[in-house]
């Protein structure tokens, strides 16, 4: 509900389509647990892009890969899908 309202409010206030991106975790079930119904957002075309990252990753356990096939299939080419890339010390 919040994303749908945010989408409408952004566009109405700007008088045009404003790109809306969210950053969330890559695990489908965990998104629902934290209140992010990304599957619905993608299906309903509410978002322009989603940035997925691992849950609770830090310098000692950051994964080497993210499996985004589920999300890419759901986006169906209508929404951009990104994977968060980060390594300890990469910000230097």
PDB file of N, CA and C in Angstrom:
ATOM      1  N   UNK A   1       0.825  -1.185   0.000  1.00  0.00           N
ATOM      2  CA  UNK A   1       0.000   0.000   0.000  1.00  0.00           C
ATOM      3  C   UNK A   1       0.874   1.256   0.000  1.00  0.00           C
ATOM      4  N   UNK A   2       1.893   1.291   0.836  1.00  0.00           N
ATOM      5  CA  UNK A   2       2.754   2.475   0.916  1.00  0.00           C
ATOM      6  C   UNK A   2       3.405   2.771  -0.423  1.00  0.00           C
ATOM      7  N   UNK A   3       3.938   1.741  -1.093  1.00  0.00           N
ATOM      8  CA  UNK A   3       4.616   1.967  -2.370  1.00  0.00           C
ATOM      9  C   UNK A   3       3.643   2.513  -3.414  1.00  0.00           C
ATOM     10  N   UNK A   4       2.442   2.008  -3.434  1.00  0.00           N
ATOM     11  CA  UNK A   4       1.436   2.472  -4.386  1.00  0.00           C
ATOM     12  C   UNK A   4       1.117   3.951  -4.121  1.00  0.00           C
ATOM     13  N   UNK A   5       0.956   4.307  -2.846  1.00  0.00           N
ATOM     14  CA  UNK A   5       0.673   5.698  -2.484  1.00  0.00           C
ATOM     15  C   UNK A   5       1.866   6.605  -2.783  1.00  0.00           C
ATOM     16  N   UNK A   6       3.064   6.112  -2.506  1.00  0.00           N
ATOM     17  CA  UNK A   6       4.270   6.894  -2.798  1.00  0.00           C
ATOM     18  C   UNK A   6       4.391   7.145  -4.295  1.00  0.00           C
ATOM     19  N   UNK A   7       4.150   6.111  -5.087  1.00  0.00           N
ATOM     20  CA  UNK A   7       4.200   6.239  -6.555  1.00  0.00           C
ATOM     21  C   UNK A   7       3.249   7.337  -7.030  1.00  0.00           C
ATOM     22  N   UNK A   8       1.994   7.296  -6.577  1.00  0.00           N
ATOM     23  CA  UNK A   8       0.982   8.267  -6.992  1.00  0.00           C
ATOM     24  C   UNK A   8       1.331   9.671  -6.512  1.00  0.00           C
ATOM     25  N   UNK A   9       1.785   9.786  -5.262  1.00  0.00           N
ATOM     26  CA  UNK A   9       2.107  11.106  -4.714  1.00  0.00           C
ATOM     27  C   UNK A   9       3.302  11.739  -5.428  1.00  0.00           C
ATOM     28  N   UNK A  10       4.324  10.954  -5.700  1.00  0.00           N
ATOM     29  CA  UNK A  10       5.486  11.491  -6.415  1.00  0.00           C
ATOM     30  C   UNK A  10       5.093  12.036  -7.785  1.00  0.00           C
ATOM     31  N   UNK A  11       4.355  11.238  -8.518  1.00  0.00           N
ATOM     32  CA  UNK A  11       3.958  11.643  -9.862  1.00  0.00           C
ATOM     33  C   UNK A  11       3.029  12.858  -9.838  1.00  0.00           C
ATOM     34  N   UNK A  12       2.092  12.865  -8.886  1.00  0.00           N
ATOM     35  CA  UNK A  12       1.151  13.979  -8.795  1.00  0.00           C
ATOM     36  C   UNK A  12       1.866  15.278  -8.439  1.00  0.00           C
ATOM     37  N   UNK A  13       2.742  15.235  -7.452  1.00  0.00           N
ATOM     38  CA  UNK A  13       3.448  16.441  -7.021  1.00  0.00           C
ATOM     39  C   UNK A  13       4.396  16.965  -8.088  1.00  0.00           C
ATOM     40  N   UNK A  14       5.016  16.060  -8.829  1.00  0.00           N
ATOM     41  CA  UNK A  14       5.968  16.478  -9.860  1.00  0.00           C
ATOM     42  C   UNK A  14       5.261  16.831 -11.170  1.00  0.00           C
ATOM     43  N   UNK A  15       4.031  16.348 -11.331  1.00  0.00           N
ATOM     44  CA  UNK A  15       3.314  16.579 -12.569  1.00  0.00           C
ATOM     45  C   UNK A  15       3.848  15.743 -13.721  1.00  0.00           C
ATOM     46  N   UNK A  16       4.587  14.715 -13.396  1.00  0.00           N
ATOM     47  CA  UNK A  16       5.152  13.815 -14.400  1.00  0.00           C
ATOM     48  C   UNK A  16       5.558  12.524 -13.697  1.00  0.00           C
ATOM     49  N   UNK A  17       5.986  11.546 -14.466  1.00  0.00           N
ATOM     50  CA  UNK A  17       6.460  10.285 -13.882  1.00  0.00           C
ATOM     51  C   UNK A  17       7.844  10.497 -13.275  1.00  0.00           C
ATOM     52  N   UNK A  18       7.965  10.198 -11.996  1.00  0.00           N
ATOM     53  CA  UNK A  18       9.245  10.283 -11.298  1.00  0.00           C
ATOM     54  C   UNK A  18       9.734   8.855 -11.051  1.00  0.00           C
ATOM     55  N   UNK A  19      10.944   8.523 -11.492  1.00  0.00           N
ATOM     56  CA  UNK A  19      11.446   7.157 -11.269  1.00  0.00           C
ATOM     57  C   UNK A  19      11.475   6.800  -9.782  1.00  0.00           C
ATOM     58  N   UNK A  20      10.993   5.627  -9.468  1.00  0.00           N
ATOM     59  CA  UNK A  20      10.969   5.136  -8.093  1.00  0.00           C
ATOM     60  C   UNK A  20      11.738   3.824  -8.021  1.00  0.00           C
ATOM     61  N   UNK A  21      12.816   3.842  -7.247  1.00  0.00           N
ATOM     62  CA  UNK A  21      13.647   2.665  -7.040  1.00  0.00           C
ATOM     63  C   UNK A  21      13.622   2.330  -5.554  1.00  0.00           C
ATOM     64  N   UNK A  22      13.698   1.053  -5.227  1.00  0.00           N
ATOM     65  CA  UNK A  22      13.832   0.631  -3.834  1.00  0.00           C
ATOM     66  C   UNK A  22      15.038  -0.292  -3.717  1.00  0.00           C
ATOM     67  N   UNK A  23      15.596  -0.337  -2.521  1.00  0.00           N
ATOM     68  CA  UNK A  23      16.692  -1.252  -2.217  1.00  0.00           C
ATOM     69  C   UNK A  23      16.175  -2.194  -1.147  1.00  0.00           C
ATOM     70  N   UNK A  24      16.303  -3.479  -1.401  1.00  0.00           N
ATOM     71  CA  UNK A  24      15.821  -4.480  -0.456  1.00  0.00           C
ATOM     72  C   UNK A  24      16.712  -5.717  -0.534  1.00  0.00           C
ATOM     73  N   UNK A  25      16.319  -6.755   0.150  1.00  0.00           N
ATOM     74  CA  UNK A  25      17.121  -7.975   0.189  1.00  0.00           C
ATOM     75  C   UNK A  25      16.743  -8.898  -0.968  1.00  0.00           C
ATOM     76  N   UNK A  26      17.634  -9.793  -1.313  1.00  0.00           N
ATOM     77  CA  UNK A  26      17.437 -10.666  -2.476  1.00  0.00           C
ATOM     78  C   UNK A  26      16.606 -11.908  -2.181  1.00  0.00           C
ATOM     79  N   UNK A  27      16.330 -12.205  -0.936  1.00  0.00           N
ATOM     80  CA  UNK A  27      15.609 -13.416  -0.561  1.00  0.00           C
ATOM     81  C   UNK A  27      14.104 -13.179  -0.585  1.00  0.00           C
ATOM     82  N   UNK A  28      13.358 -13.876  -1.466  1.00  0.00           N
ATOM     83  CA  UNK A  28      11.916 -13.625  -1.584  1.00  0.00           C
ATOM     84  C   UNK A  28      11.151 -13.721  -0.261  1.00  0.00           C
ATOM     85  N   UNK A  29      11.327 -14.788   0.499  1.00  0.00           N
ATOM     86  CA  UNK A  29      10.563 -14.942   1.740  1.00  0.00           C
ATOM     87  C   UNK A  29      10.926 -13.884   2.767  1.00  0.00           C
ATOM     88  N   UNK A  30      12.193 -13.450   2.760  1.00  0.00           N
ATOM     89  CA  UNK A  30      12.598 -12.454   3.756  1.00  0.00           C
ATOM     90  C   UNK A  30      12.006 -11.084   3.426  1.00  0.00           C
ATOM     91  N   UNK A  31      11.825 -10.785   2.157  1.00  0.00           N
ATOM     92  CA  UNK A  31      11.163  -9.537   1.794  1.00  0.00           C
ATOM     93  C   UNK A  31       9.776  -9.467   2.416  1.00  0.00           C
ATOM     94  N   UNK A  32       9.027 -10.545   2.339  1.00  0.00           N
ATOM     95  CA  UNK A  32       7.691 -10.558   2.939  1.00  0.00           C
ATOM     96  C   UNK A  32       7.766 -10.409   4.449  1.00  0.00           C
ATOM     97  N   UNK A  33       8.747 -11.045   5.058  1.00  0.00           N
ATOM     98  CA  UNK A  33       8.911 -10.959   6.508  1.00  0.00           C
ATOM     99  C   UNK A  33       9.138  -9.516   6.962  1.00  0.00           C
ATOM    100  N   UNK A  34       9.869  -8.744   6.175  1.00  0.00           N
ATOM    101  CA  UNK A  34      10.165  -7.356   6.555  1.00  0.00           C
ATOM    102  C   UNK A  34       9.166  -6.356   5.961  1.00  0.00           C
ATOM    103  N   UNK A  35       8.100  -6.875   5.351  1.00  0.00           N
ATOM    104  CA  UNK A  35       7.032  -6.009   4.870  1.00  0.00           C
ATOM    105  C   UNK A  35       7.220  -5.455   3.474  1.00  0.00           C
ATOM    106  N   UNK A  36       8.059  -6.085   2.685  1.00  0.00           N
ATOM    107  CA  UNK A  36       8.294  -5.639   1.306  1.00  0.00           C
ATOM    108  C   UNK A  36       7.705  -6.658   0.337  1.00  0.00           C
ATOM    109  N   UNK A  37       6.565  -6.341  -0.233  1.00  0.00           N
ATOM    110  CA  UNK A  37       5.911  -7.252  -1.173  1.00  0.00           C
ATOM    111  C   UNK A  37       6.412  -6.933  -2.583  1.00  0.00           C
ATOM    112  N   UNK A  38       7.671  -7.213  -2.816  1.00  0.00           N
ATOM    113  CA  UNK A  38       8.329  -6.872  -4.069  1.00  0.00           C
ATOM    114  C   UNK A  38       7.656  -7.559  -5.249  1.00  0.00           C
ATOM    115  N   UNK A  39       7.177  -8.766  -5.060  1.00  0.00           N
ATOM    116  CA  UNK A  39       6.510  -9.470  -6.154  1.00  0.00           C
ATOM    117  C   UNK A  39       5.282  -8.691  -6.633  1.00  0.00           C
ATOM    118  N   UNK A  40       4.495  -8.179  -5.727  1.00  0.00           N
ATOM    119  CA  UNK A  40       3.329  -7.376  -6.105  1.00  0.00           C
ATOM    120  C   UNK A  40       3.765  -6.076  -6.753  1.00  0.00           C
ATOM    121  N   UNK A  41       4.773  -5.424  -6.190  1.00  0.00           N
ATOM    122  CA  UNK A  41       5.254  -4.162  -6.774  1.00  0.00           C
ATOM    123  C   UNK A  41       5.697  -4.364  -8.217  1.00  0.00           C
ATOM    124  N   UNK A  42       6.398  -5.478  -8.466  1.00  0.00           N
ATOM    125  CA  UNK A  42       6.848  -5.765  -9.828  1.00  0.00           C
ATOM    126  C   UNK A  42       5.668  -6.100 -10.732  1.00  0.00           C
ATOM    127  N   UNK A  43       4.788  -6.934 -10.248  1.00  0.00           N
ATOM    128  CA  UNK A  43       3.628  -7.345 -11.041  1.00  0.00           C
ATOM    129  C   UNK A  43       2.758  -6.142 -11.411  1.00  0.00           C
ATOM    130  N   UNK A  44       2.597  -5.217 -10.471  1.00  0.00           N
ATOM    131  CA  UNK A  44       1.721  -4.063 -10.685  1.00  0.00           C
ATOM    132  C   UNK A  44       2.430  -2.880 -11.340  1.00  0.00           C
ATOM    133  N   UNK A  45       3.717  -3.000 -11.606  1.00  0.00           N
ATOM    134  CA  UNK A  45       4.446  -1.928 -12.281  1.00  0.00           C
ATOM    135  C   UNK A  45       4.610  -0.666 -11.455  1.00  0.00           C
ATOM    136  N   UNK A  46       4.668  -0.799 -10.148  1.00  0.00           N
ATOM    137  CA  UNK A  46       4.775   0.358  -9.263  1.00  0.00           C
ATOM    138  C   UNK A  46       6.188   0.941  -9.273  1.00  0.00           C
ATOM    139  N   UNK A  47       7.179   0.086  -9.462  1.00  0.00           N
ATOM    140  CA  UNK A  47       8.578   0.509  -9.378  1.00  0.00           C
ATOM    141  C   UNK A  47       9.214   0.632 -10.757  1.00  0.00           C
ATOM    142  N   UNK A  48      10.228   1.484 -10.821  1.00  0.00           N
ATOM    143  CA  UNK A  48      11.037   1.584 -12.028  1.00  0.00           C
ATOM    144  C   UNK A  48      12.291   0.726 -11.904  1.00  0.00           C
ATOM    145  N   UNK A  49      12.685   0.446 -10.676  1.00  0.00           N
ATOM    146  CA  UNK A  49      13.858  -0.378 -10.465  1.00  0.00           C
ATOM    147  C   UNK A  49      13.941  -0.885  -9.038  1.00  0.00           C
ATOM    148  N   UNK A  50      14.617  -2.015  -8.887  1.00  0.00           N
ATOM    149  CA  UNK A  50      14.843  -2.612  -7.569  1.00  0.00           C
ATOM    150  C   UNK A  50      16.318  -2.970  -7.471  1.00  0.00           C
ATOM    151  N   UNK A  51      16.911  -2.599  -6.346  1.00  0.00           N
ATOM    152  CA  UNK A  51      18.301  -2.937  -6.067  1.00  0.00           C
ATOM    153  C   UNK A  51      18.277  -3.995  -4.979  1.00  0.00           C
ATOM    154  N   UNK A  52      18.773  -5.178  -5.300  1.00  0.00           N
ATOM    155  CA  UNK A  52      18.767  -6.285  -4.350  1.00  0.00           C
ATOM    156  C   UNK A  52      20.155  -6.488  -3.763  1.00  0.00           C
ATOM    157  N   UNK A  53      20.196  -6.721  -2.480  1.00  0.00           N
ATOM    158  CA  UNK A  53      21.444  -7.029  -1.798  1.00  0.00           C
ATOM    159  C   UNK A  53      21.231  -8.167  -0.828  1.00  0.00           C
ATOM    160  N   UNK A  54      22.304  -8.697  -0.287  1.00  0.00           N
ATOM    161  CA  UNK A  54      22.168  -9.779   0.694  1.00  0.00           C
ATOM    162  C   UNK A  54      21.702  -9.239   2.040  1.00  0.00           C
ATOM    163  N   UNK A  55      21.040 -10.085   2.804  1.00  0.00           N
ATOM    164  CA  UNK A  55      20.575  -9.708   4.135  1.00  0.00           C
ATOM    165  C   UNK A  55      21.697  -9.896   5.148  1.00  0.00           C
ATOM    166  N   UNK A  56      21.925  -8.894   5.960  1.00  0.00           N
ATOM    167  CA  UNK A  56      22.894  -8.941   7.076  1.00  0.00           C
ATOM    168  C   UNK A  56      24.316  -9.297   6.640  1.00  0.00           C
ATOM    169  N   UNK A  57      24.699  -8.857   5.482  1.00  0.00           N
ATOM    170  CA  UNK A  57      26.068  -9.125   5.046  1.00  0.00           C
ATOM    171  C   UNK A  57      26.998  -8.077   5.636  1.00  0.00           C
ATOM    172  N   UNK A  58      28.182  -8.525   5.975  1.00  0.00           N
ATOM    173  CA  UNK A  58      29.208  -7.590   6.421  1.00  0.00           C
ATOM    174  C   UNK A  58      30.539  -8.025   5.817  1.00  0.00           C
ATOM    175  N   UNK A  59      31.608  -7.455   6.280  1.00  0.00           N
ATOM    176  CA  UNK A  59      32.914  -7.729   5.681  1.00  0.00           C
ATOM    177  C   UNK A  59      33.328  -9.197   5.797  1.00  0.00           C
ATOM    178  N   UNK A  60      32.765  -9.913   6.760  1.00  0.00           N
ATOM    179  CA  UNK A  60      33.199 -11.296   6.972  1.00  0.00           C
ATOM    180  C   UNK A  60      32.338 -12.334   6.254  1.00  0.00           C
ATOM    181  N   UNK A  61      31.152 -11.937   5.776  1.00  0.00           N
ATOM    182  CA  UNK A  61      30.270 -12.947   5.187  1.00  0.00           C
ATOM    183  C   UNK A  61      29.577 -12.491   3.911  1.00  0.00           C
ATOM    184  N   UNK A  62      30.109 -11.503   3.238  1.00  0.00           N
ATOM    185  CA  UNK A  62      29.454 -11.000   2.033  1.00  0.00           C
ATOM    186  C   UNK A  62      29.517 -12.070   0.949  1.00  0.00           C
ATOM    187  N   UNK A  63      28.384 -12.392   0.323  1.00  0.00           N
ATOM    188  CA  UNK A  63      28.379 -13.473  -0.672  1.00  0.00           C
ATOM    189  C   UNK A  63      29.113 -13.089  -1.954  1.00  0.00           C
ATOM    190  N   UNK A  64      29.615 -14.087  -2.649  1.00  0.00           N
ATOM    191  CA  UNK A  64      30.283 -13.867  -3.929  1.00  0.00           C
ATOM    192  C   UNK A  64      29.282 -13.706  -5.068  1.00  0.00           C
ATOM    193  N   UNK A  65      28.055 -14.211  -4.881  1.00  0.00           N
ATOM    194  CA  UNK A  65      27.040 -14.132  -5.928  1.00  0.00           C
ATOM    195  C   UNK A  65      25.678 -13.845  -5.315  1.00  0.00           C
ATOM    196  N   UNK A  66      24.785 -13.319  -6.131  1.00  0.00           N
ATOM    197  CA  UNK A  66      23.381 -13.155  -5.772  1.00  0.00           C
ATOM    198  C   UNK A  66      22.571 -13.779  -6.896  1.00  0.00           C
ATOM    199  N   UNK A  67      21.634 -14.623  -6.569  1.00  0.00           N
ATOM    200  CA  UNK A  67      20.787 -15.243  -7.580  1.00  0.00           C
ATOM    201  C   UNK A  67      19.557 -14.360  -7.773  1.00  0.00           C
ATOM    202  N   UNK A  68      19.540 -13.610  -8.851  1.00  0.00           N
ATOM    203  CA  UNK A  68      18.452 -12.680  -9.115  1.00  0.00           C
ATOM    204  C   UNK A  68      17.499 -13.174 -10.204  1.00  0.00           C
ATOM    205  N   UNK A  69      17.643 -14.429 -10.605  1.00  0.00           N
ATOM    206  CA  UNK A  69      16.799 -14.963 -11.685  1.00  0.00           C
ATOM    207  C   UNK A  69      15.311 -14.856 -11.376  1.00  0.00           C
ATOM    208  N   UNK A  70      14.926 -15.120 -10.143  1.00  0.00           N
ATOM    209  CA  UNK A  70      13.523 -15.012  -9.728  1.00  0.00           C
ATOM    210  C   UNK A  70      13.002 -13.603  -9.989  1.00  0.00           C
ATOM    211  N   UNK A  71      13.772 -12.619  -9.570  1.00  0.00           N
ATOM    212  CA  UNK A  71      13.359 -11.220  -9.696  1.00  0.00           C
ATOM    213  C   UNK A  71      13.369 -10.750 -11.147  1.00  0.00           C
ATOM    214  N   UNK A  72      14.356 -11.172 -11.895  1.00  0.00           N
ATOM    215  CA  UNK A  72      14.436 -10.792 -13.309  1.00  0.00           C
ATOM    216  C   UNK A  72      13.231 -11.336 -14.068  1.00  0.00           C
ATOM    217  N   UNK A  73      12.863 -12.578 -13.767  1.00  0.00           N
ATOM    218  CA  UNK A  73      11.690 -13.170 -14.422  1.00  0.00           C
ATOM    219  C   UNK A  73      10.417 -12.410 -14.053  1.00  0.00           C
ATOM    220  N   UNK A  74      10.258 -12.067 -12.784  1.00  0.00           N
ATOM    221  CA  UNK A  74       9.075 -11.322 -12.354  1.00  0.00           C
ATOM    222  C   UNK A  74       9.030  -9.927 -12.968  1.00  0.00           C
ATOM    223  N   UNK A  75      10.179  -9.300 -13.124  1.00  0.00           N
ATOM    224  CA  UNK A  75      10.231  -7.950 -13.694  1.00  0.00           C
ATOM    225  C   UNK A  75       9.829  -7.967 -15.160  1.00  0.00           C
ATOM    226  N   UNK A  76      10.082  -9.061 -15.828  1.00  0.00           N
ATOM    227  CA  UNK A  76       9.651  -9.228 -17.205  1.00  0.00           C
ATOM    228  C   UNK A  76      10.098  -8.140 -18.166  1.00  0.00           C
ATOM    229  N   UNK A  77      11.225  -7.515 -17.878  1.00  0.00           N
ATOM    230  CA  UNK A  77      11.727  -6.463 -18.743  1.00  0.00           C
ATOM    231  C   UNK A  77      11.048  -5.117 -18.534  1.00  0.00           C
ATOM    232  N   UNK A  78      10.074  -5.045 -17.640  1.00  0.00           N
ATOM    233  CA  UNK A  78       9.354  -3.797 -17.372  1.00  0.00           C
ATOM    234  C   UNK A  78      10.022  -2.961 -16.293  1.00  0.00           C
ATOM    235  N   UNK A  79      10.744  -3.620 -15.411  1.00  0.00           N
ATOM    236  CA  UNK A  79      11.383  -2.960 -14.279  1.00  0.00           C
ATOM    237  C   UNK A  79      12.854  -3.334 -14.262  1.00  0.00           C
ATOM    238  N   UNK A  80      13.716  -2.364 -13.991  1.00  0.00           N
ATOM    239  CA  UNK A  80      15.151  -2.640 -13.924  1.00  0.00           C
ATOM    240  C   UNK A  80      15.471  -3.392 -12.633  1.00  0.00           C
ATOM    241  N   UNK A  81      16.355  -4.362 -12.737  1.00  0.00           N
ATOM    242  CA  UNK A  81      16.770  -5.166 -11.589  1.00  0.00           C
ATOM    243  C   UNK A  81      18.280  -5.049 -11.453  1.00  0.00           C
ATOM    244  N   UNK A  82      18.736  -4.680 -10.263  1.00  0.00           N
ATOM    245  CA  UNK A  82      20.155  -4.511  -9.983  1.00  0.00           C
ATOM    246  C   UNK A  82      20.555  -5.380  -8.797  1.00  0.00           C
ATOM    247  N   UNK A  83      21.784  -5.831  -8.793  1.00  0.00           N
ATOM    248  CA  UNK A  83      22.361  -6.525  -7.645  1.00  0.00           C
ATOM    249  C   UNK A  83      23.378  -5.619  -6.996  1.00  0.00           C
ATOM    250  N   UNK A  84      23.334  -5.527  -5.690  1.00  0.00           N
ATOM    251  CA  UNK A  84      24.270  -4.690  -4.951  1.00  0.00           C
ATOM    252  C   UNK A  84      25.622  -5.369  -4.902  1.00  0.00           C
ATOM    253  N   UNK A  85      26.629  -4.645  -5.289  1.00  0.00           N
ATOM    254  CA  UNK A  85      27.992  -5.170  -5.263  1.00  0.00           C
ATOM    255  C   UNK A  85      28.784  -4.344  -4.267  1.00  0.00           C
ATOM    256  N   UNK A  86      29.385  -5.019  -3.328  1.00  0.00           N
ATOM    257  CA  UNK A  86      30.169  -4.325  -2.324  1.00  0.00           C
ATOM    258  C   UNK A  86      31.194  -5.296  -1.757  1.00  0.00           C
ATOM    259  N   UNK A  87      32.316  -4.800  -1.466  1.00  0.00           N
ATOM    260  CA  UNK A  87      33.347  -5.570  -0.778  1.00  0.00           C
ATOM    261  C   UNK A  87      33.961  -4.692   0.286  1.00  0.00           C
ATOM    262  N   UNK A  88      34.344  -5.301   1.383  1.00  0.00           N
ATOM    263  CA  UNK A  88      34.975  -4.554   2.462  1.00  0.00           C
ATOM    264  C   UNK A  88      36.158  -3.775   1.907  1.00  0.00           C
ATOM    265  N   UNK A  89      36.156  -2.489   2.157  1.00  0.00           N
ATOM    266  CA  UNK A  89      37.240  -1.632   1.684  1.00  0.00           C
ATOM    267  C   UNK A  89      37.028  -1.105   0.282  1.00  0.00           C
ATOM    268  N   UNK A  90      35.923  -1.506  -0.389  1.00  0.00           N
ATOM    269  CA  UNK A  90      35.732  -1.061  -1.775  1.00  0.00           C
ATOM    270  C   UNK A  90      35.359   0.410  -1.857  1.00  0.00           C
ATOM    271  N   UNK A  91      34.977   1.003  -0.733  1.00  0.00           N
ATOM    272  CA  UNK A  91      34.621   2.418  -0.730  1.00  0.00           C
ATOM    273  C   UNK A  91      35.823   3.330  -0.643  1.00  0.00           C
ATOM    274  N   UNK A  92      36.996   2.771  -0.537  1.00  0.00           N
ATOM    275  CA  UNK A  92      38.192   3.609  -0.412  1.00  0.00           C
ATOM    276  C   UNK A  92      38.681   4.068  -1.751  1.00  0.00           C
TER     277      UNK A  92
END
